[in-house]
Amino acid sequence: IARDYAKNTVYLQMYSLKPEEKAVYYCAAEWPGS
């Protein structure tokens, strides 16, 4: 997982994928605050 602040984008690079990893992948965000 990585984020590019200039592009305002988060990435998930996935290698060696397996058939059991078939799924819908969701991105989530939260502001941690304090």
PDB file of all heavy atoms in Angstrom:
ATOM      1  N   ILE A   1       0.848  -1.177   0.000  1.00  0.00           N
ATOM      2  CA  ILE A   1       0.000   0.000   0.000  1.00  0.00           C
ATOM      3  C   ILE A   1       0.888   1.233   0.000  1.00  0.00           C
ATOM      4  O   ILE A   1       1.934   1.261   0.663  1.00  0.00           O
ATOM      5  CB  ILE A   1      -0.968   0.010   1.209  1.00  0.00           C
ATOM      6  CG1 ILE A   1      -1.975   1.155   1.091  1.00  0.00           C
ATOM      7  CG2 ILE A   1      -0.208   0.073   2.526  1.00  0.00           C
ATOM      8  CD1 ILE A   1      -3.103   1.090   2.121  1.00  0.00           C
ATOM      9  N   ALA A   2       0.483   2.227  -0.762  1.00  0.00           N
ATOM     10  CA  ALA A   2       1.267   3.460  -0.846  1.00  0.00           C
ATOM     11  C   ALA A   2       0.323   4.606  -1.155  1.00  0.00           C
ATOM     12  O   ALA A   2      -0.781   4.396  -1.666  1.00  0.00           O
ATOM     13  CB  ALA A   2       2.338   3.330  -1.923  1.00  0.00           C
ATOM     14  N   ARG A   3       0.776   5.804  -0.862  1.00  0.00           N
ATOM     15  CA  ARG A   3      -0.058   6.959  -1.168  1.00  0.00           C
ATOM     16  C   ARG A   3       0.787   8.023  -1.856  1.00  0.00           C
ATOM     17  O   ARG A   3       1.956   8.215  -1.525  1.00  0.00           O
ATOM     18  CB  ARG A   3      -0.745   7.502   0.082  1.00  0.00           C
ATOM     19  CG  ARG A   3       0.134   7.998   1.194  1.00  0.00           C
ATOM     20  CD  ARG A   3      -0.668   8.181   2.493  1.00  0.00           C
ATOM     21  NE  ARG A   3      -1.823   9.044   2.313  1.00  0.00           N
ATOM     22  CZ  ARG A   3      -2.809   9.156   3.201  1.00  0.00           C
ATOM     23  NH1 ARG A   3      -2.769   8.470   4.324  1.00  0.00           N
ATOM     24  NH2 ARG A   3      -3.834   9.958   2.961  1.00  0.00           N
ATOM     25  N   ASP A   4       0.158   8.688  -2.796  1.00  0.00           N
ATOM     26  CA  ASP A   4       0.796   9.771  -3.540  1.00  0.00           C
ATOM     27  C   ASP A   4       0.033  11.038  -3.192  1.00  0.00           C
ATOM     28  O   ASP A   4      -1.087  11.234  -3.663  1.00  0.00           O
ATOM     29  CB  ASP A   4       0.735   9.470  -5.038  1.00  0.00           C
ATOM     30  CG  ASP A   4       1.488  10.483  -5.879  1.00  0.00           C
ATOM     31  OD1 ASP A   4       1.531  11.669  -5.478  1.00  0.00           O
ATOM     32  OD2 ASP A   4       2.016  10.110  -6.923  1.00  0.00           O
ATOM     33  N   TYR A   5       0.639  11.894  -2.379  1.00  0.00           N
ATOM     34  CA  TYR A   5      -0.059  13.093  -1.924  1.00  0.00           C
ATOM     35  C   TYR A   5      -0.287  14.064  -3.077  1.00  0.00           C
ATOM     36  O   TYR A   5      -1.310  14.745  -3.121  1.00  0.00           O
ATOM     37  CB  TYR A   5       0.729  13.766  -0.806  1.00  0.00           C
ATOM     38  CG  TYR A   5       0.767  12.946   0.452  1.00  0.00           C
ATOM     39  CD1 TYR A   5       1.837  12.104   0.731  1.00  0.00           C
ATOM     40  CD2 TYR A   5      -0.293  12.992   1.366  1.00  0.00           C
ATOM     41  CE1 TYR A   5       1.858  11.334   1.880  1.00  0.00           C
ATOM     42  CE2 TYR A   5      -0.265  12.227   2.522  1.00  0.00           C
ATOM     43  CZ  TYR A   5       0.811  11.398   2.775  1.00  0.00           C
ATOM     44  OH  TYR A   5       0.827  10.630   3.909  1.00  0.00           O
ATOM     45  N   ALA A   6       0.645  14.129  -3.999  1.00  0.00           N
ATOM     46  CA  ALA A   6       0.496  15.042  -5.127  1.00  0.00           C
ATOM     47  C   ALA A   6      -0.700  14.661  -5.988  1.00  0.00           C
ATOM     48  O   ALA A   6      -1.401  15.524  -6.514  1.00  0.00           O
ATOM     49  CB  ALA A   6       1.766  15.056  -5.964  1.00  0.00           C
ATOM     50  N   LYS A   7      -0.940  13.351  -6.111  1.00  0.00           N
ATOM     51  CA  LYS A   7      -2.060  12.876  -6.921  1.00  0.00           C
ATOM     52  C   LYS A   7      -3.299  12.591  -6.092  1.00  0.00           C
ATOM     53  O   LYS A   7      -4.332  12.194  -6.641  1.00  0.00           O
ATOM     54  CB  LYS A   7      -1.646  11.624  -7.692  1.00  0.00           C
ATOM     55  CG  LYS A   7      -0.545  11.881  -8.708  1.00  0.00           C
ATOM     56  CD  LYS A   7      -0.223  10.614  -9.493  1.00  0.00           C
ATOM     57  CE  LYS A   7       0.844  10.891 -10.547  1.00  0.00           C
ATOM     58  NZ  LYS A   7       1.190   9.691 -11.331  1.00  0.00           N
ATOM     59  N   ASN A   8      -3.165  12.771  -4.786  1.00  0.00           N
ATOM     60  CA  ASN A   8      -4.315  12.538  -3.910  1.00  0.00           C
ATOM     61  C   ASN A   8      -4.890  11.138  -4.115  1.00  0.00           C
ATOM     62  O   ASN A   8      -6.109  10.946  -4.198  1.00  0.00           O
ATOM     63  CB  ASN A   8      -5.389  13.589  -4.175  1.00  0.00           C
ATOM     64  CG  ASN A   8      -6.261  13.846  -2.987  1.00  0.00           C
ATOM     65  OD1 ASN A   8      -5.809  13.788  -1.855  1.00  0.00           O
ATOM     66  ND2 ASN A   8      -7.527  14.125  -3.242  1.00  0.00           N
ATOM     67  N   THR A   9      -4.002  10.187  -4.190  1.00  0.00           N
ATOM     68  CA  THR A   9      -4.389   8.821  -4.530  1.00  0.00           C
ATOM     69  C   THR A   9      -3.663   7.831  -3.634  1.00  0.00           C
ATOM     70  O   THR A   9      -2.509   8.045  -3.272  1.00  0.00           O
ATOM     71  CB  THR A   9      -4.069   8.511  -6.002  1.00  0.00           C
ATOM     72  OG1 THR A   9      -4.760   9.443  -6.839  1.00  0.00           O
ATOM     73  CG2 THR A   9      -4.481   7.095  -6.379  1.00  0.00           C
ATOM     74  N   VAL A  10      -4.361   6.776  -3.295  1.00  0.00           N
ATOM     75  CA  VAL A  10      -3.776   5.668  -2.563  1.00  0.00           C
ATOM     76  C   VAL A  10      -3.796   4.441  -3.469  1.00  0.00           C
ATOM     77  O   VAL A  10      -4.771   4.213  -4.191  1.00  0.00           O
ATOM     78  CB  VAL A  10      -4.562   5.377  -1.271  1.00  0.00           C
ATOM     79  CG1 VAL A  10      -4.067   4.117  -0.603  1.00  0.00           C
ATOM     80  CG2 VAL A  10      -4.440   6.547  -0.318  1.00  0.00           C
ATOM     81  N   TYR A  11      -2.734   3.669  -3.414  1.00  0.00           N
ATOM     82  CA  TYR A  11      -2.601   2.511  -4.282  1.00  0.00           C
ATOM     83  C   TYR A  11      -2.482   1.224  -3.463  1.00  0.00           C
ATOM     84  O   TYR A  11      -1.984   1.232  -2.341  1.00  0.00           O
ATOM     85  CB  TYR A  11      -1.347   2.639  -5.151  1.00  0.00           C
ATOM     86  CG  TYR A  11      -1.316   3.869  -6.006  1.00  0.00           C
ATOM     87  CD1 TYR A  11      -0.596   4.989  -5.620  1.00  0.00           C
ATOM     88  CD2 TYR A  11      -2.010   3.915  -7.211  1.00  0.00           C
ATOM     89  CE1 TYR A  11      -0.558   6.131  -6.398  1.00  0.00           C
ATOM     90  CE2 TYR A  11      -1.979   5.039  -8.008  1.00  0.00           C
ATOM     91  CZ  TYR A  11      -1.252   6.149  -7.597  1.00  0.00           C
ATOM     92  OH  TYR A  11      -1.223   7.275  -8.374  1.00  0.00           O
ATOM     93  N   LEU A  12      -2.918   0.167  -4.080  1.00  0.00           N
ATOM     94  CA  LEU A  12      -2.670  -1.168  -3.535  1.00  0.00           C
ATOM     95  C   LEU A  12      -2.077  -1.990  -4.671  1.00  0.00           C
ATOM     96  O   LEU A  12      -2.782  -2.380  -5.601  1.00  0.00           O
ATOM     97  CB  LEU A  12      -3.949  -1.823  -3.018  1.00  0.00           C
ATOM     98  CG  LEU A  12      -3.746  -3.192  -2.374  1.00  0.00           C
ATOM     99  CD1 LEU A  12      -2.942  -3.053  -1.078  1.00  0.00           C
ATOM    100  CD2 LEU A  12      -5.073  -3.886  -2.097  1.00  0.00           C
ATOM    101  N   GLN A  13      -0.788  -2.232  -4.598  1.00  0.00           N
ATOM    102  CA  GLN A  13      -0.111  -3.066  -5.580  1.00  0.00           C
ATOM    103  C   GLN A  13      -0.192  -4.509  -5.114  1.00  0.00           C
ATOM    104  O   GLN A  13       0.229  -4.815  -3.999  1.00  0.00           O
ATOM    105  CB  GLN A  13       1.347  -2.632  -5.737  1.00  0.00           C
ATOM    106  CG  GLN A  13       2.134  -3.478  -6.702  1.00  0.00           C
ATOM    107  CD  GLN A  13       1.665  -3.307  -8.145  1.00  0.00           C
ATOM    108  OE1 GLN A  13       1.654  -2.203  -8.671  1.00  0.00           O
ATOM    109  NE2 GLN A  13       1.297  -4.408  -8.787  1.00  0.00           N
ATOM    110  N   MET A  14      -0.699  -5.362  -5.976  1.00  0.00           N
ATOM    111  CA  MET A  14      -0.905  -6.754  -5.606  1.00  0.00           C
ATOM    112  C   MET A  14      -0.140  -7.655  -6.556  1.00  0.00           C
ATOM    113  O   MET A  14      -0.291  -7.555  -7.783  1.00  0.00           O
ATOM    114  CB  MET A  14      -2.401  -7.098  -5.665  1.00  0.00           C
ATOM    115  CG  MET A  14      -3.266  -6.174  -4.818  1.00  0.00           C
ATOM    116  SD  MET A  14      -4.998  -6.643  -4.775  1.00  0.00           S
ATOM    117  CE  MET A  14      -5.479  -6.334  -6.481  1.00  0.00           C
ATOM    118  N   TYR A  15       0.676  -8.512  -5.992  1.00  0.00           N
ATOM    119  CA  TYR A  15       1.447  -9.489  -6.760  1.00  0.00           C
ATOM    120  C   TYR A  15       1.039 -10.902  -6.348  1.00  0.00           C
ATOM    121  O   TYR A  15       0.510 -11.119  -5.268  1.00  0.00           O
ATOM    122  CB  TYR A  15       2.941  -9.322  -6.509  1.00  0.00           C
ATOM    123  CG  TYR A  15       3.535  -8.026  -7.006  1.00  0.00           C
ATOM    124  CD1 TYR A  15       3.857  -7.010  -6.099  1.00  0.00           C
ATOM    125  CD2 TYR A  15       3.789  -7.813  -8.357  1.00  0.00           C
ATOM    126  CE1 TYR A  15       4.414  -5.819  -6.543  1.00  0.00           C
ATOM    127  CE2 TYR A  15       4.343  -6.629  -8.808  1.00  0.00           C
ATOM    128  CZ  TYR A  15       4.648  -5.636  -7.892  1.00  0.00           C
ATOM    129  OH  TYR A  15       5.196  -4.453  -8.339  1.00  0.00           O
ATOM    130  N   SER A  16       1.358 -11.848  -7.223  1.00  0.00           N
ATOM    131  CA  SER A  16       1.124 -13.272  -6.933  1.00  0.00           C
ATOM    132  C   SER A  16      -0.286 -13.524  -6.453  1.00  0.00           C
ATOM    133  O   SER A  16      -0.512 -14.203  -5.434  1.00  0.00           O
ATOM    134  CB  SER A  16       2.140 -13.759  -5.884  1.00  0.00           C
ATOM    135  OG  SER A  16       3.456 -13.568  -6.323  1.00  0.00           O
ATOM    136  N   LEU A  17      -1.224 -12.997  -7.157  1.00  0.00           N
ATOM    137  CA  LEU A  17      -2.618 -13.139  -6.756  1.00  0.00           C
ATOM    138  C   LEU A  17      -3.078 -14.591  -6.817  1.00  0.00           C
ATOM    139  O   LEU A  17      -2.638 -15.369  -7.671  1.00  0.00           O
ATOM    140  CB  LEU A  17      -3.506 -12.267  -7.633  1.00  0.00           C
ATOM    141  CG  LEU A  17      -3.481 -10.780  -7.265  1.00  0.00           C
ATOM    142  CD1 LEU A  17      -3.958  -9.917  -8.419  1.00  0.00           C
ATOM    143  CD2 LEU A  17      -4.331 -10.540  -6.031  1.00  0.00           C
ATOM    144  N   LYS A  18      -3.965 -14.924  -5.907  1.00  0.00           N
ATOM    145  CA  LYS A  18      -4.479 -16.286  -5.794  1.00  0.00           C
ATOM    146  C   LYS A  18      -5.974 -16.304  -6.128  1.00  0.00           C
ATOM    147  O   LYS A  18      -6.676 -15.316  -5.888  1.00  0.00           O
ATOM    148  CB  LYS A  18      -4.260 -16.790  -4.370  1.00  0.00           C
ATOM    149  CG  LYS A  18      -2.825 -16.710  -3.902  1.00  0.00           C
ATOM    150  CD  LYS A  18      -2.711 -17.079  -2.429  1.00  0.00           C
ATOM    151  CE  LYS A  18      -1.269 -16.948  -1.957  1.00  0.00           C
ATOM    152  NZ  LYS A  18      -1.137 -17.279  -0.510  1.00  0.00           N
ATOM    153  N   PRO A  19      -6.470 -17.411  -6.631  1.00  0.00           N
ATOM    154  CA  PRO A  19      -7.906 -17.484  -6.965  1.00  0.00           C
ATOM    155  C   PRO A  19      -8.811 -17.149  -5.787  1.00  0.00           C
ATOM    156  O   PRO A  19      -9.873 -16.545  -5.972  1.00  0.00           O
ATOM    157  CB  PRO A  19      -8.076 -18.938  -7.417  1.00  0.00           C
ATOM    158  CG  PRO A  19      -6.732 -19.311  -7.946  1.00  0.00           C
ATOM    159  CD  PRO A  19      -5.746 -18.603  -7.065  1.00  0.00           C
ATOM    160  N   GLU A  20      -8.408 -17.520  -4.593  1.00  0.00           N
ATOM    161  CA  GLU A  20      -9.245 -17.243  -3.424  1.00  0.00           C
ATOM    162  C   GLU A  20      -9.265 -15.774  -3.038  1.00  0.00           C
ATOM    163  O   GLU A  20     -10.000 -15.381  -2.127  1.00  0.00           O
ATOM    164  CB  GLU A  20      -8.772 -18.084  -2.224  1.00  0.00           C
ATOM    165  CG  GLU A  20      -7.327 -17.889  -1.844  1.00  0.00           C
ATOM    166  CD  GLU A  20      -6.408 -18.916  -2.469  1.00  0.00           C
ATOM    167  OE1 GLU A  20      -6.662 -19.338  -3.623  1.00  0.00           O
ATOM    168  OE2 GLU A  20      -5.417 -19.296  -1.794  1.00  0.00           O
ATOM    169  N   GLU A  21      -8.474 -14.975  -3.725  1.00  0.00           N
ATOM    170  CA  GLU A  21      -8.484 -13.539  -3.456  1.00  0.00           C
ATOM    171  C   GLU A  21      -9.458 -12.794  -4.366  1.00  0.00           C
ATOM    172  O   GLU A  21      -9.501 -11.558  -4.347  1.00  0.00           O
ATOM    173  CB  GLU A  21      -7.075 -12.971  -3.567  1.00  0.00           C
ATOM    174  CG  GLU A  21      -6.166 -13.549  -2.481  1.00  0.00           C
ATOM    175  CD  GLU A  21      -4.761 -13.026  -2.496  1.00  0.00           C
ATOM    176  OE1 GLU A  21      -4.119 -13.079  -3.560  1.00  0.00           O
ATOM    177  OE2 GLU A  21      -4.301 -12.592  -1.417  1.00  0.00           O
ATOM    178  N   LYS A  22     -10.217 -13.547  -5.111  1.00  0.00           N
ATOM    179  CA  LYS A  22     -11.299 -12.935  -5.873  1.00  0.00           C
ATOM    180  C   LYS A  22     -12.276 -12.286  -4.900  1.00  0.00           C
ATOM    181  O   LYS A  22     -12.764 -12.930  -3.974  1.00  0.00           O
ATOM    182  CB  LYS A  22     -12.032 -13.992  -6.699  1.00  0.00           C
ATOM    183  CG  LYS A  22     -13.303 -13.474  -7.365  1.00  0.00           C
ATOM    184  CD  LYS A  22     -14.051 -14.587  -8.071  1.00  0.00           C
ATOM    185  CE  LYS A  22     -15.382 -14.090  -8.634  1.00  0.00           C
ATOM    186  NZ  LYS A  22     -16.122 -15.171  -9.334  1.00  0.00           N
ATOM    187  N   ALA A  23     -12.527 -11.008  -5.105  1.00  0.00           N
ATOM    188  CA  ALA A  23     -13.386 -10.266  -4.181  1.00  0.00           C
ATOM    189  C   ALA A  23     -13.630  -8.870  -4.736  1.00  0.00           C
ATOM    190  O   ALA A  23     -12.977  -8.446  -5.701  1.00  0.00           O
ATOM    191  CB  ALA A  23     -12.731 -10.162  -2.802  1.00  0.00           C
ATOM    192  N   VAL A  24     -14.534  -8.187  -4.089  1.00  0.00           N
ATOM    193  CA  VAL A  24     -14.662  -6.751  -4.328  1.00  0.00           C
ATOM    194  C   VAL A  24     -13.743  -6.061  -3.327  1.00  0.00           C
ATOM    195  O   VAL A  24     -13.815  -6.333  -2.120  1.00  0.00           O
ATOM    196  CB  VAL A  24     -16.107  -6.270  -4.153  1.00  0.00           C
ATOM    197  CG1 VAL A  24     -16.186  -4.751  -4.347  1.00  0.00           C
ATOM    198  CG2 VAL A  24     -17.029  -6.984  -5.141  1.00  0.00           C
ATOM    199  N   TYR A  25     -12.898  -5.210  -3.829  1.00  0.00           N
ATOM    200  CA  TYR A  25     -11.937  -4.507  -2.993  1.00  0.00           C
ATOM    201  C   TYR A  25     -12.427  -3.087  -2.762  1.00  0.00           C
ATOM    202  O   TYR A  25     -12.756  -2.368  -3.710  1.00  0.00           O
ATOM    203  CB  TYR A  25     -10.569  -4.497  -3.652  1.00  0.00           C
ATOM    204  CG  TYR A  25      -9.861  -5.824  -3.536  1.00  0.00           C
ATOM    205  CD1 TYR A  25     -10.326  -6.947  -4.211  1.00  0.00           C
ATOM    206  CD2 TYR A  25      -8.732  -5.974  -2.727  1.00  0.00           C
ATOM    207  CE1 TYR A  25      -9.706  -8.176  -4.088  1.00  0.00           C
ATOM    208  CE2 TYR A  25      -8.091  -7.197  -2.598  1.00  0.00           C
ATOM    209  CZ  TYR A  25      -8.581  -8.286  -3.280  1.00  0.00           C
ATOM    210  OH  TYR A  25      -7.958  -9.500  -3.155  1.00  0.00           O
ATOM    211  N   TYR A  26     -12.436  -2.701  -1.494  1.00  0.00           N
ATOM    212  CA  TYR A  26     -12.960  -1.397  -1.098  1.00  0.00           C
ATOM    213  C   TYR A  26     -11.866  -0.532  -0.485  1.00  0.00           C
ATOM    214  O   TYR A  26     -11.053  -1.009   0.310  1.00  0.00           O
ATOM    215  CB  TYR A  26     -14.065  -1.553  -0.065  1.00  0.00           C
ATOM    216  CG  TYR A  26     -15.280  -2.279  -0.558  1.00  0.00           C
ATOM    217  CD1 TYR A  26     -15.411  -3.651  -0.395  1.00  0.00           C
ATOM    218  CD2 TYR A  26     -16.313  -1.578  -1.183  1.00  0.00           C
ATOM    219  CE1 TYR A  26     -16.541  -4.324  -0.846  1.00  0.00           C
ATOM    220  CE2 TYR A  26     -17.446  -2.241  -1.635  1.00  0.00           C
ATOM    221  CZ  TYR A  26     -17.550  -3.603  -1.459  1.00  0.00           C
ATOM    222  OH  TYR A  26     -18.668  -4.263  -1.912  1.00  0.00           O
ATOM    223  N   CYS A  27     -11.912   0.726  -0.839  1.00  0.00           N
ATOM    224  CA  CYS A  27     -11.053   1.719  -0.228  1.00  0.00           C
ATOM    225  C   CYS A  27     -11.825   2.396   0.895  1.00  0.00           C
ATOM    226  O   CYS A  27     -13.039   2.630   0.768  1.00  0.00           O
ATOM    227  CB  CYS A  27     -10.651   2.739  -1.296  1.00  0.00           C
ATOM    228  SG  CYS A  27      -9.667   4.115  -0.710  1.00  0.00           S
ATOM    229  N   ALA A  28     -11.134   2.725   1.971  1.00  0.00           N
ATOM    230  CA  ALA A  28     -11.772   3.376   3.102  1.00  0.00           C
ATOM    231  C   ALA A  28     -10.881   4.490   3.626  1.00  0.00           C
ATOM    232  O   ALA A  28      -9.649   4.417   3.507  1.00  0.00           O
ATOM    233  CB  ALA A  28     -12.043   2.359   4.215  1.00  0.00           C
ATOM    234  N   ALA A  29     -11.514   5.495   4.213  1.00  0.00           N
ATOM    235  CA  ALA A  29     -10.773   6.643   4.741  1.00  0.00           C
ATOM    236  C   ALA A  29     -11.367   7.093   6.060  1.00  0.00           C
ATOM    237  O   ALA A  29     -12.568   6.989   6.293  1.00  0.00           O
ATOM    238  CB  ALA A  29     -10.812   7.797   3.733  1.00  0.00           C
ATOM    239  N   GLU A  30     -10.493   7.591   6.900  1.00  0.00           N
ATOM    240  CA  GLU A  30     -10.949   8.167   8.161  1.00  0.00           C
ATOM    241  C   GLU A  30      -9.932   9.186   8.636  1.00  0.00           C
ATOM    242  O   GLU A  30      -8.726   9.007   8.465  1.00  0.00           O
ATOM    243  CB  GLU A  30     -11.150   7.070   9.222  1.00  0.00           C
ATOM    244  CG  GLU A  30     -11.706   7.587  10.535  1.00  0.00           C
ATOM    245  CD  GLU A  30     -12.995   8.365  10.349  1.00  0.00           C
ATOM    246  OE1 GLU A  30     -13.930   7.871   9.703  1.00  0.00           O
ATOM    247  OE2 GLU A  30     -13.055   9.512  10.852  1.00  0.00           O
ATOM    248  N   TRP A  31     -10.449  10.227   9.251  1.00  0.00           N
ATOM    249  CA  TRP A  31      -9.578  11.237   9.822  1.00  0.00           C
ATOM    250  C   TRP A  31      -9.314  10.861  11.266  1.00  0.00           C
ATOM    251  O   TRP A  31     -10.253  10.828  12.076  1.00  0.00           O
ATOM    252  CB  TRP A  31     -10.247  12.603   9.751  1.00  0.00           C
ATOM    253  CG  TRP A  31      -9.396  13.699  10.295  1.00  0.00           C
ATOM    254  CD1 TRP A  31      -8.204  14.141   9.794  1.00  0.00           C
ATOM    255  CD2 TRP A  31      -9.660  14.492  11.454  1.00  0.00           C
ATOM    256  NE1 TRP A  31      -7.719  15.161  10.577  1.00  0.00           N
ATOM    257  CE2 TRP A  31      -8.591  15.401  11.595  1.00  0.00           C
ATOM    258  CE3 TRP A  31     -10.701  14.533  12.385  1.00  0.00           C
ATOM    259  CZ2 TRP A  31      -8.522  16.335  12.623  1.00  0.00           C
ATOM    260  CZ3 TRP A  31     -10.654  15.469  13.407  1.00  0.00           C
ATOM    261  CH2 TRP A  31      -9.559  16.349  13.513  1.00  0.00           C
ATOM    262  N   PRO A  32      -8.072  10.546  11.600  1.00  0.00           N
ATOM    263  CA  PRO A  32      -7.784  10.045  12.943  1.00  0.00           C
ATOM    264  C   PRO A  32      -8.052  11.051  14.045  1.00  0.00           C
ATOM    265  O   PRO A  32      -8.408  10.661  15.166  1.00  0.00           O
ATOM    266  CB  PRO A  32      -6.304   9.678  12.892  1.00  0.00           C
ATOM    267  CG  PRO A  32      -5.951   9.646  11.465  1.00  0.00           C
ATOM    268  CD  PRO A  32      -6.864  10.586  10.770  1.00  0.00           C
ATOM    269  N   GLY A  33      -7.876  12.348  13.757  1.00  0.00           N
ATOM    270  CA  GLY A  33      -8.005  13.350  14.804  1.00  0.00           C
ATOM    271  C   GLY A  33      -7.035  13.042  15.929  1.00  0.00           C
ATOM    272  O   GLY A  33      -5.919  12.630  15.713  1.00  0.00           O
ATOM    273  N   SER A  34      -7.469  13.229  17.110  1.00  0.00           N
ATOM    274  CA  SER A  34      -6.619  12.949  18.255  1.00  0.00           C
ATOM    275  C   SER A  34      -7.024  11.656  18.948  1.00  0.00           C
ATOM    276  O   SER A  34      -6.558  11.339  20.033  1.00  0.00           O
ATOM    277  CB  SER A  34      -6.698  14.096  19.270  1.00  0.00           C
ATOM    278  OG  SER A  34      -8.050  14.283  19.670  1.00  0.00           O
TER     279      SER A  34
END
